[in-house]
Protein backbone atom coordinates (compact mmCIF):
# COMPACT_ATOMS: atom_id res chain seq x y z
CA MET A 1 -5.51 12.71 9.01
CA GLY A 2 -8.32 11.06 7.06
CA THR A 3 -9.55 7.50 6.87
CA ARG A 4 -7.11 4.95 5.55
CA GLU A 5 -8.36 1.94 3.61
CA TYR A 6 -6.53 -1.11 2.32
CA GLU A 7 -8.22 -3.58 0.02
CA ILE A 8 -6.42 -6.86 -0.65
CA VAL A 9 -7.83 -9.20 -3.29
CA ILE A 10 -6.32 -12.65 -3.83
CA GLU A 11 -7.27 -13.92 -7.27
CA PRO A 12 -7.88 -17.62 -8.05
CA ASP A 13 -4.50 -17.76 -9.82
CA GLY A 14 -2.78 -16.60 -6.61
CA SER A 15 -2.03 -13.06 -7.77
CA VAL A 16 -2.66 -10.30 -5.26
CA LYS A 17 -4.21 -6.89 -5.92
CA LEU A 18 -3.76 -4.15 -3.31
CA GLU A 19 -5.59 -0.82 -3.28
CA ILE A 20 -4.37 1.84 -0.85
CA ARG A 21 -6.61 4.82 -0.13
CA GLY A 22 -6.22 7.72 2.28
CA HIS A 23 -2.46 8.28 1.98
CA PRO A 24 -1.85 11.54 0.11
CA GLY A 25 1.37 12.10 -1.78
CA LYS A 26 4.17 9.61 -2.04
CA SER A 27 3.47 8.19 1.43
CA CYS A 28 1.36 5.52 -0.29
CA LEU A 29 4.57 4.07 -1.73
CA ASN A 30 5.92 3.49 1.79
CA VAL A 31 2.74 1.63 2.68
CA ALA A 32 2.92 -0.40 -0.54
CA LYS A 33 6.48 -1.40 0.35
CA LEU A 34 5.27 -2.64 3.74
CA PHE A 35 2.58 -4.79 2.13
CA GLU A 36 5.14 -6.03 -0.40
CA GLU A 37 7.17 -7.49 2.47
CA VAL A 38 4.11 -9.47 3.54
CA VAL A 39 2.56 -10.64 0.23
CA GLY A 40 5.52 -10.57 -2.15
CA LYS A 41 7.07 -8.36 -4.81
CA GLN A 42 4.75 -6.24 -6.91
CA VAL A 43 4.67 -6.69 -10.67
CA ALA A 44 2.55 -3.66 -11.60
CA GLN A 45 1.59 -0.33 -10.08
CA GLU A 46 -1.08 2.24 -10.92
CA LEU A 47 -0.93 5.65 -9.23
CA THR A 48 -4.13 7.48 -8.27
CA ARG A 49 -4.72 11.22 -8.02
CA GLU A 50 -3.99 11.00 -4.27
CA TYR A 51 -0.37 10.31 -5.21
CA TYR A 52 -0.08 13.82 -6.64
CA GLU A 53 -1.38 15.51 -3.46
CA PRO A 54 1.07 17.05 -0.95
CA ASP A 55 3.11 14.47 0.95
CA GLU A 56 2.59 13.53 4.57
CA GLU A 57 5.05 11.86 6.89
CA VAL A 58 4.28 8.19 7.58
CA HIS A 59 6.10 5.84 9.95
CA THR A 60 5.60 2.08 9.63
CA ARG A 61 6.81 -0.85 11.67
CA LEU A 62 6.36 -4.50 10.82
CA GLU A 63 6.87 -7.23 13.40
CA GLN A 64 6.52 -10.91 12.74
CA GLY A 65 6.07 -13.41 15.51
CA TYR A 66 6.64 -17.09 15.12
């Protein structure tokens, strides 16, 4: 398993840009869905060449404490 990187940019207009690196195959979509729960629904998506690599199994868990 390689290095995983997540870059979140919040623009002055409040829009959010997320770049996910290090998740080969469609596993990046699972990670994007997790971030979507936190920052809101995505309005656009651009797939990188990593998306077309063989898939890997990814498990995510999100807990929110109040």
